[in-house]
Amino acid sequence: MALELADIFQEFGAAYRQKHTRRILPSHRQAMKAIERCRTEALGGQVYACVACGEKRYSYHSCRNRHCPKCQHKQTEEWLVLQRKLLLPVPYFLLTFTLPAELRQIARQNQKVIYNLLFRTSAKATQSLARDTRFIGGQIGLVGILHTWTRKLAFHPHVHYLAPGGGLAPDGHTWLPANKKFFLPVKALSRSFRAAFQHALQKTELYSLIPSSIWYKEWVVNCKVVGDGQAALKYLAPYIHRVAISNRRLLSLSAGSLESAQVTFSFRSAKTRKTKRSSLSVEKFIRSFLQHVLPRGFVKVRYYGFFGARVRSRLILLQQTMDTSPSPQPQDKLDGKPEEAEDEQGMICTECGHSMTFQRTIHPLKCRSP
């Protein structure tokens, strides 16, 4: 049976929580417990029986925690369906804003504050520059997604924005197309982003903890063309509900204690594009995973400009003007196999091929909240 994140947490989670009981955050504790109990008898479920051979199947409930690798595929598919309704028949661009390394320790310790500033200031800088008549001269639309990890689980907070190539003129209905291969100048955008972030951070108690040299270096901002709307969504979808590491990347777990046992996982090298392996102690692996668990209630997907909920009517009018209504699209094949449980409707017996019927309900086990 393939190794899962839940297996690691079930075996070592209690020891990790006991060792770090004074430092572990409530959101981290909650995520661990949810992953440990996901699709187990602890959460309850249903029992199905084959009408022909009597074979039984136990279908347990999912935890629905957004950091659980078993519970995210379905949410990604649902997000794709909703986003297709917002598409425009124009080229799309992907912008990426990355926090400098000097800010990452502060960000790890103050996630909600820094992540909110990262969103707000990067979106503000982009919208402000886009209003300049030298570039677009109007209101643009942005869909932003927070991403905090590298393939090796390192802490690397950045925001991806998907943007249609163009904007709305001040009259509110005329479309101003951008150059098909150029959206905004990244050097100017980088400096505007840095200035906006510095100004916003000065209003917090964290500003005095930041080395002054950071305000004189170039911040990293990238922008590239990602095709039409359909291609752009397929490119962006994996970022929406992906967790720091999927079960299919976990290769092995050695025997030992929390400190001595090793977790080996695969990752793809950004330079060579080849698959490599990395091994961490269980303690370091769990700590690396938990640093990407978001604060409770934090919104990791945000909409700006004419994608904003309050002005979504402008987008609808724009689609009508462009005479575009996204047609039904085939379901995208996302990376890897879905890890959701099988559809309980029309369940088929794997032994004889006959249909299975509901037999009884398994009630969740009662337990105290962590």
Foldseek 3Di string as FASTA:
>chain_A
DFDFPLVLLLVAVVVLCVVCVPPDDLLLNVVSVQLVCAQHLQQWFFWWAFPPPGDIDTTGHGSCDLQHQQNFPVVLLVVLVVVLQLFDFAWKKKKKFWDDPLCQVVCLVVVVVVVVLQVVLLVVLLQVQCCPPVFANAWWKWKKFWDAADQVLDGIIMIMIMTGQHHAHPVLADTGGGPRWDHGDVQSSQLSSLVSSLVVCVVDPCNVVGDPVVNVDGGDMDMGTQGGPVSVSLVCSCRHRPANDHSVQWDDWADDHQFPIKTKGWGADPVPRDIDIDIDRNSVVSVSRSSRRHDPPDDRIDMDTCRHPVNVVSSVSNCVVSVDGRDDDPRDDHPDDNSYDDDPPQDADPPPGGTIDTDDISHNDDDDRD
